[in-house]
Every structure is written in structure tokens, then in C-alpha cells.
Amino acid sequence: MLRSALVPILFTAAVIGMIAFGLKQTGESSKAEGLRVLEESILRATVKCYAVEGRYPDTIGYIERNYGIRIDRTRYAVHYENFASNLFPEITVIELVKD
């Protein structure tokens, strides 16, 4: 009798565990995708600026104002360093760690 009651409980626990694991994996994948999309958007806007204006943007703020890039500064830190208007800038996007 105990055995017949234990099987459905164990099965339910296993299903709940698999669902929780799947949700965790989906959340981590979504975070990585958000970072990748932001990096690619900034790179595309930088190249587009060079193609349209003949120079690379001076600051990341210029890209935000003129090329429609939106950066969630609560989630990402962006390092943008432009050495010269005709050299591709150094761009690094880092996801901020939340505790």
C-alpha cells in the first residue's frame, strides 16, 4: 500500500524537477541572447555611422541618441573607447551580476 502511494509522489516530484531545470536553462539562455543582441546592435550601429557619416562615433551616447540603440544600464555595462574617428573603436559589453 505504501509502495503504490509512493510511485505517484516520486513521479510528480521528478516532473516538477524537470520543469524547474528547464525553466532555469531557458532563463540562462535568454540572458545570453540579450547580451549577444545588444553587442551586435552596437556593432551594427557603429559600422552604419561610419558608412553614413564617414567616421566612427565618439561615444556610446552618440550611438544611443542617433542610431536608436537602447542600453539597459541596470543589466549591462558598456565600454566604448574611440582612439580616432577612422579606427574601429574598442567595444565591450558586460552583463552586470545581480545578487
Protein backbone atom coordinates (compact mmCIF):
# COMPACT_ATOMS: atom_id res chain seq x y z
CA MET A 1 0.00 0.00 0.00
CA LEU A 2 2.82 2.39 0.86
CA ARG A 3 4.56 1.44 -2.37
CA SER A 4 1.51 2.21 -4.51
CA ALA A 5 1.21 5.67 -2.92
CA LEU A 6 4.93 6.39 -3.26
CA VAL A 7 5.12 5.88 -7.04
CA PRO A 8 2.82 8.81 -7.99
CA ILE A 9 4.58 11.07 -5.48
CA LEU A 10 8.01 10.24 -6.90
CA PHE A 11 6.74 10.66 -10.47
CA THR A 12 5.27 14.08 -9.64
CA ALA A 13 8.49 15.15 -7.92
CA ALA A 14 10.52 14.07 -10.96
CA VAL A 15 8.26 16.02 -13.34
CA ILE A 16 8.46 19.14 -11.15
CA GLY A 17 12.25 18.79 -11.04
CA MET A 18 12.48 18.55 -14.83
CA ILE A 19 10.24 21.59 -15.27
CA ALA A 20 12.33 23.63 -12.81
CA PHE A 21 15.55 22.62 -14.58
CA GLY A 22 14.07 23.55 -17.97
CA LEU A 23 12.96 26.95 -16.71
CA LYS A 24 16.42 27.64 -15.30
CA GLN A 25 18.08 26.69 -18.61
CA THR A 26 15.64 28.89 -20.53
CA GLY A 27 16.38 31.87 -18.27
CA GLU A 28 20.14 31.48 -18.70
CA SER A 29 19.78 31.14 -22.46
CA SER A 30 17.62 34.26 -22.56
CA LYS A 31 20.24 36.27 -20.65
CA ALA A 32 22.99 35.21 -23.04
CA GLU A 33 20.80 36.06 -26.02
CA GLY A 34 20.11 39.55 -24.65
CA LEU A 35 23.83 40.21 -24.28
CA ARG A 36 24.55 38.95 -27.80
CA VAL A 37 21.77 41.07 -29.33
CA LEU A 38 22.99 44.22 -27.58
CA GLU A 39 26.60 43.63 -28.70
CA GLU A 40 25.54 43.05 -32.29
CA SER A 41 23.27 46.10 -32.28
CA ILE A 42 26.07 48.35 -31.05
CA LEU A 43 28.49 46.93 -33.63
CA ARG A 44 26.00 47.39 -36.48
CA ALA A 45 25.21 50.96 -35.41
CA THR A 46 28.93 51.76 -35.20
CA VAL A 47 29.56 50.47 -38.71
CA LYS A 48 26.43 52.21 -40.01
CA CYS A 49 27.64 55.50 -38.53
CA TYR A 50 30.95 55.10 -40.34
CA ALA A 51 29.18 54.30 -43.61
CA VAL A 52 26.79 57.25 -43.34
CA GLU A 53 28.99 59.89 -41.69
CA GLY A 54 32.48 58.81 -42.69
CA ARG A 55 33.66 58.47 -39.11
CA TYR A 56 33.13 56.23 -36.12
CA PRO A 57 31.05 57.65 -33.24
CA ASP A 58 32.96 59.47 -30.49
CA THR A 59 30.89 57.99 -27.66
CA ILE A 60 28.33 55.32 -26.96
CA GLY A 61 25.93 58.14 -26.11
CA TYR A 62 26.15 59.36 -29.70
CA ILE A 63 25.10 55.91 -30.91
CA GLU A 64 22.21 55.86 -28.46
CA ARG A 65 20.96 59.32 -29.48
CA ASN A 66 21.36 58.97 -33.23
CA TYR A 67 21.05 55.29 -34.07
CA GLY A 68 18.23 54.06 -31.82
CA ILE A 69 20.28 51.84 -29.52
CA ARG A 70 18.79 51.39 -26.04
CA ILE A 71 21.07 50.11 -23.29
CA ASP A 72 19.59 48.83 -20.04
CA ARG A 73 22.28 50.15 -17.73
CA THR A 74 20.85 48.17 -14.82
CA ARG A 75 21.72 44.95 -16.71
CA TYR A 76 24.74 45.84 -18.87
CA ALA A 77 27.94 47.85 -18.67
CA VAL A 78 29.30 49.08 -21.99
CA HIS A 79 32.93 50.10 -22.50
CA TYR A 80 33.34 52.19 -25.64
CA GLU A 81 36.71 53.72 -26.43
CA ASN A 82 37.33 55.58 -29.67
CA PHE A 83 41.00 56.22 -30.45
CA ALA A 84 40.47 58.05 -33.74
CA SER A 85 37.50 58.75 -35.97
CA ASN A 86 38.87 56.48 -38.69
CA LEU A 87 39.78 53.48 -36.47
CA PHE A 88 37.22 50.99 -35.26
CA PRO A 89 36.55 51.64 -31.55
CA GLU A 90 37.08 49.17 -28.73
CA ILE A 91 33.64 47.95 -27.64
CA THR A 92 32.96 45.62 -24.72
CA VAL A 93 29.55 44.73 -23.31
CA ILE A 94 29.39 43.02 -19.92
CA GLU A 95 26.33 41.71 -18.13
CA LEU A 96 26.17 43.05 -14.58
CA VAL A 97 25.88 40.49 -11.80
CA LYS A 98 22.86 40.84 -9.54
CA ASP A 99 22.83 39.35 -6.09
